[in-house]
């Protein structure tokens, strides 16, 4: 792996970890009783996936960039759907619309937006690292484009 891509993946991993902790702090402040069981367990699943991915990144595992891309972009989509859309399902912990979740403050908004931004950055760093290793979407590494 190119050293600059390795460094980028680790730096965005640290930012991702800090964003996870800030977001978790907001949920601790608001209380977990305001969450639906679906949101609670989806968040726990995301947390486990994030920790596993960060371990892969900091151990320099070959699957780290793909995991960062999957977890980063998947988390960004999930947090956006849960927090930024008006209440739409049991997956909602909405900060918008007429049914705003209890305890939402400016800190909640900061935590959610910071988390989403860090998720996108982590996913992007994973894709960039994959590209630097010779992977392209829909293509095997080292495969020729000619027939």
C-alpha atoms as a PDB file:
ATOM      1  CA  UNK A   1       0.000   0.000   0.000  1.00  0.00           C
ATOM      2  CA  UNK A   2       1.268   3.468  -0.811  1.00  0.00           C
ATOM      3  CA  UNK A   3       2.365   5.223   2.386  1.00  0.00           C
ATOM      4  CA  UNK A   4       0.166   8.284   1.766  1.00  0.00           C
ATOM      5  CA  UNK A   5      -2.905   6.079   1.304  1.00  0.00           C
ATOM      6  CA  UNK A   6      -2.002   4.096   4.423  1.00  0.00           C
ATOM      7  CA  UNK A   7      -1.690   7.350   6.359  1.00  0.00           C
ATOM      8  CA  UNK A   8      -4.956   8.714   4.920  1.00  0.00           C
ATOM      9  CA  UNK A   9      -6.846   5.575   5.921  1.00  0.00           C
ATOM     10  CA  UNK A  10      -5.445   5.740   9.462  1.00  0.00           C
ATOM     11  CA  UNK A  11      -6.090   9.479   9.870  1.00  0.00           C
ATOM     12  CA  UNK A  12      -9.675   9.189   8.653  1.00  0.00           C
ATOM     13  CA  UNK A  13      -9.988   6.141  10.908  1.00  0.00           C
ATOM     14  CA  UNK A  14      -9.053   8.252  13.929  1.00  0.00           C
ATOM     15  CA  UNK A  15     -11.546  10.964  12.919  1.00  0.00           C
ATOM     16  CA  UNK A  16     -14.168   8.232  12.390  1.00  0.00           C
ATOM     17  CA  UNK A  17     -13.464   6.886  15.899  1.00  0.00           C
ATOM     18  CA  UNK A  18     -13.758  10.359  17.455  1.00  0.00           C
ATOM     19  CA  UNK A  19     -17.059  10.916  15.607  1.00  0.00           C
ATOM     20  CA  UNK A  20     -18.358   7.569  16.893  1.00  0.00           C
ATOM     21  CA  UNK A  21     -17.499   8.601  20.454  1.00  0.00           C
ATOM     22  CA  UNK A  22     -19.118  12.038  20.080  1.00  0.00           C
ATOM     23  CA  UNK A  23     -22.268  10.477  18.644  1.00  0.00           C
ATOM     24  CA  UNK A  24     -22.321   7.872  21.430  1.00  0.00           C
ATOM     25  CA  UNK A  25     -21.933  10.664  23.993  1.00  0.00           C
ATOM     26  CA  UNK A  26     -25.021  12.356  22.567  1.00  0.00           C
ATOM     27  CA  UNK A  27     -26.988   9.118  22.849  1.00  0.00           C
ATOM     28  CA  UNK A  28     -25.798   8.712  26.447  1.00  0.00           C
ATOM     29  CA  UNK A  29     -26.896  12.294  27.160  1.00  0.00           C
ATOM     30  CA  UNK A  30     -30.300  11.804  25.520  1.00  0.00           C
ATOM     31  CA  UNK A  31     -30.808   8.352  27.049  1.00  0.00           C
ATOM     32  CA  UNK A  32     -31.243   5.086  25.213  1.00  0.00           C
ATOM     33  CA  UNK A  33     -34.897   4.846  26.216  1.00  0.00           C
ATOM     34  CA  UNK A  34     -35.765   7.377  23.468  1.00  0.00           C
ATOM     35  CA  UNK A  35     -34.613   4.915  20.787  1.00  0.00           C
ATOM     36  CA  UNK A  36     -36.684   2.211  19.175  1.00  0.00           C
ATOM     37  CA  UNK A  37     -35.253  -1.289  19.663  1.00  0.00           C
ATOM     38  CA  UNK A  38     -34.497  -1.331  15.922  1.00  0.00           C
ATOM     39  CA  UNK A  39     -32.401   1.848  16.112  1.00  0.00           C
ATOM     40  CA  UNK A  40     -30.681   0.598  19.266  1.00  0.00           C
ATOM     41  CA  UNK A  41     -29.626  -2.726  17.713  1.00  0.00           C
ATOM     42  CA  UNK A  42     -28.761  -1.214  14.333  1.00  0.00           C
ATOM     43  CA  UNK A  43     -26.486   1.232  16.162  1.00  0.00           C
ATOM     44  CA  UNK A  44     -24.858  -1.599  18.105  1.00  0.00           C
ATOM     45  CA  UNK A  45     -24.302  -3.568  14.901  1.00  0.00           C
ATOM     46  CA  UNK A  46     -22.722  -0.491  13.310  1.00  0.00           C
ATOM     47  CA  UNK A  47     -20.502   0.001  16.365  1.00  0.00           C
ATOM     48  CA  UNK A  48     -19.222  -3.588  16.211  1.00  0.00           C
ATOM     49  CA  UNK A  49     -18.600  -3.289  12.447  1.00  0.00           C
ATOM     50  CA  UNK A  50     -16.758  -0.004  13.055  1.00  0.00           C
ATOM     51  CA  UNK A  51     -14.526  -1.478  15.771  1.00  0.00           C
ATOM     52  CA  UNK A  52     -13.669  -4.517  13.627  1.00  0.00           C
ATOM     53  CA  UNK A  53     -12.891  -2.231  10.681  1.00  0.00           C
ATOM     54  CA  UNK A  54     -10.690   0.044  12.778  1.00  0.00           C
ATOM     55  CA  UNK A  55      -8.756  -2.972  14.068  1.00  0.00           C
ATOM     56  CA  UNK A  56      -8.227  -4.075  10.450  1.00  0.00           C
ATOM     57  CA  UNK A  57      -7.045  -0.573   9.498  1.00  0.00           C
ATOM     58  CA  UNK A  58      -4.561  -0.227  12.350  1.00  0.00           C
ATOM     59  CA  UNK A  59      -3.215  -3.744  11.855  1.00  0.00           C
ATOM     60  CA  UNK A  60      -2.674  -3.008   8.159  1.00  0.00           C
ATOM     61  CA  UNK A  61      -4.866  -5.903   7.049  1.00  0.00           C
ATOM     62  CA  UNK A  62      -5.396  -6.323   3.307  1.00  0.00           C
ATOM     63  CA  UNK A  63      -9.199  -6.157   3.769  1.00  0.00           C
ATOM     64  CA  UNK A  64      -9.048  -2.862   5.679  1.00  0.00           C
ATOM     65  CA  UNK A  65      -9.706  -0.540   2.712  1.00  0.00           C
ATOM     66  CA  UNK A  66     -12.726  -2.546   1.517  1.00  0.00           C
ATOM     67  CA  UNK A  67     -14.099  -2.710   5.053  1.00  0.00           C
ATOM     68  CA  UNK A  68     -13.567   1.054   5.486  1.00  0.00           C
ATOM     69  CA  UNK A  69     -15.443   1.755   2.261  1.00  0.00           C
ATOM     70  CA  UNK A  70     -18.336  -0.550   3.189  1.00  0.00           C
ATOM     71  CA  UNK A  71     -18.648   0.564   6.810  1.00  0.00           C
ATOM     72  CA  UNK A  72     -17.999   4.241   6.081  1.00  0.00           C
ATOM     73  CA  UNK A  73     -20.536   4.641   3.290  1.00  0.00           C
ATOM     74  CA  UNK A  74     -23.008   2.231   4.908  1.00  0.00           C
ATOM     75  CA  UNK A  75     -22.855   4.187   8.164  1.00  0.00           C
ATOM     76  CA  UNK A  76     -23.305   7.510   6.355  1.00  0.00           C
ATOM     77  CA  UNK A  77     -26.436   6.209   4.648  1.00  0.00           C
ATOM     78  CA  UNK A  78     -27.802   4.732   7.867  1.00  0.00           C
ATOM     79  CA  UNK A  79     -27.196   7.814  10.007  1.00  0.00           C
ATOM     80  CA  UNK A  80     -28.587  10.104   7.327  1.00  0.00           C
ATOM     81  CA  UNK A  81     -31.741   7.997   7.047  1.00  0.00           C
ATOM     82  CA  UNK A  82     -32.159   7.710  10.819  1.00  0.00           C
ATOM     83  CA  UNK A  83     -31.451  11.314  11.819  1.00  0.00           C
ATOM     84  CA  UNK A  84     -31.939  13.667   8.869  1.00  0.00           C
ATOM     85  CA  UNK A  85     -35.124  12.299   7.302  1.00  0.00           C
ATOM     86  CA  UNK A  86     -38.502  12.952   8.916  1.00  0.00           C
ATOM     87  CA  UNK A  87     -39.829   9.967  10.868  1.00  0.00           C
ATOM     88  CA  UNK A  88     -40.318   7.194   8.315  1.00  0.00           C
ATOM     89  CA  UNK A  89     -40.062   3.856  10.161  1.00  0.00           C
ATOM     90  CA  UNK A  90     -38.835   2.034  13.226  1.00  0.00           C
ATOM     91  CA  UNK A  91     -35.316   2.875  11.973  1.00  0.00           C
ATOM     92  CA  UNK A  92     -35.992   6.581  12.640  1.00  0.00           C
ATOM     93  CA  UNK A  93     -34.429   8.717  15.348  1.00  0.00           C
ATOM     94  CA  UNK A  94     -35.455  11.825  13.490  1.00  0.00           C
ATOM     95  CA  UNK A  95     -34.084  15.296  14.128  1.00  0.00           C
ATOM     96  CA  UNK A  96     -36.448  16.799  11.534  1.00  0.00           C
ATOM     97  CA  UNK A  97     -40.144  16.958  10.730  1.00  0.00           C
ATOM     98  CA  UNK A  98     -43.067  17.141  13.098  1.00  0.00           C
ATOM     99  CA  UNK A  99     -41.990  14.089  15.140  1.00  0.00           C
ATOM    100  CA  UNK A 100     -38.520  15.155  16.393  1.00  0.00           C
ATOM    101  CA  UNK A 101     -36.897  12.671  18.764  1.00  0.00           C
ATOM    102  CA  UNK A 102     -36.789  13.704  22.451  1.00  0.00           C
ATOM    103  CA  UNK A 103     -33.706  15.527  23.749  1.00  0.00           C
ATOM    104  CA  UNK A 104     -32.407  16.697  20.366  1.00  0.00           C
ATOM    105  CA  UNK A 105     -30.185  19.768  20.796  1.00  0.00           C
ATOM    106  CA  UNK A 106     -27.535  21.620  18.809  1.00  0.00           C
ATOM    107  CA  UNK A 107     -25.021  19.100  20.173  1.00  0.00           C
ATOM    108  CA  UNK A 108     -27.155  16.281  18.714  1.00  0.00           C
ATOM    109  CA  UNK A 109     -27.027  17.976  15.329  1.00  0.00           C
ATOM    110  CA  UNK A 110     -23.275  18.493  15.596  1.00  0.00           C
ATOM    111  CA  UNK A 111     -22.744  14.847  16.611  1.00  0.00           C
ATOM    112  CA  UNK A 112     -24.896  13.484  13.776  1.00  0.00           C
ATOM    113  CA  UNK A 113     -23.388  15.720  11.091  1.00  0.00           C
ATOM    114  CA  UNK A 114     -19.848  15.077  12.354  1.00  0.00           C
ATOM    115  CA  UNK A 115     -20.557  11.329  12.282  1.00  0.00           C
ATOM    116  CA  UNK A 116     -21.944  11.449   8.738  1.00  0.00           C
ATOM    117  CA  UNK A 117     -19.017  13.537   7.486  1.00  0.00           C
ATOM    118  CA  UNK A 118     -16.477  11.236   9.139  1.00  0.00           C
ATOM    119  CA  UNK A 119     -18.274   8.200   7.696  1.00  0.00           C
ATOM    120  CA  UNK A 120     -18.062   9.610   4.165  1.00  0.00           C
ATOM    121  CA  UNK A 121     -14.384  10.525   4.624  1.00  0.00           C
ATOM    122  CA  UNK A 122     -13.557   7.030   5.928  1.00  0.00           C
ATOM    123  CA  UNK A 123     -15.418   5.388   3.042  1.00  0.00           C
ATOM    124  CA  UNK A 124     -13.679   7.655   0.538  1.00  0.00           C
ATOM    125  CA  UNK A 125     -10.271   6.840   2.048  1.00  0.00           C
ATOM    126  CA  UNK A 126     -11.079   3.146   1.711  1.00  0.00           C
ATOM    127  CA  UNK A 127     -11.971   3.575  -1.964  1.00  0.00           C
ATOM    128  CA  UNK A 128      -8.886   5.671  -2.620  1.00  0.00           C
ATOM    129  CA  UNK A 129      -6.679   3.041  -1.009  1.00  0.00           C
ATOM    130  CA  UNK A 130      -8.312   0.270  -3.032  1.00  0.00           C
ATOM    131  CA  UNK A 131      -7.699   2.283  -6.192  1.00  0.00           C
ATOM    132  CA  UNK A 132      -4.046   2.821  -5.226  1.00  0.00           C
ATOM    133  CA  UNK A 133      -3.706  -0.954  -4.829  1.00  0.00           C
ATOM    134  CA  UNK A 134      -4.962  -1.465  -8.360  1.00  0.00           C
ATOM    135  CA  UNK A 135      -8.592  -2.294  -7.680  1.00  0.00           C
ATOM    136  CA  UNK A 136     -11.334  -0.719  -9.755  1.00  0.00           C
ATOM    137  CA  UNK A 137     -15.065  -1.230  -9.410  1.00  0.00           C
ATOM    138  CA  UNK A 138     -16.129  -4.337 -11.299  1.00  0.00           C
ATOM    139  CA  UNK A 139     -12.566  -5.302 -12.158  1.00  0.00           C
ATOM    140  CA  UNK A 140     -10.100  -7.806 -10.732  1.00  0.00           C
ATOM    141  CA  UNK A 141      -6.750  -6.329  -9.679  1.00  0.00           C
ATOM    142  CA  UNK A 142      -4.253  -6.466 -12.520  1.00  0.00           C
ATOM    143  CA  UNK A 143      -6.913  -7.444 -15.063  1.00  0.00           C
ATOM    144  CA  UNK A 144      -6.379  -6.041 -18.515  1.00  0.00           C
ATOM    145  CA  UNK A 145      -9.003  -3.754 -20.025  1.00  0.00           C
ATOM    146  CA  UNK A 146      -8.333  -5.211 -23.467  1.00  0.00           C
ATOM    147  CA  UNK A 147      -9.784  -8.519 -24.647  1.00  0.00           C
END
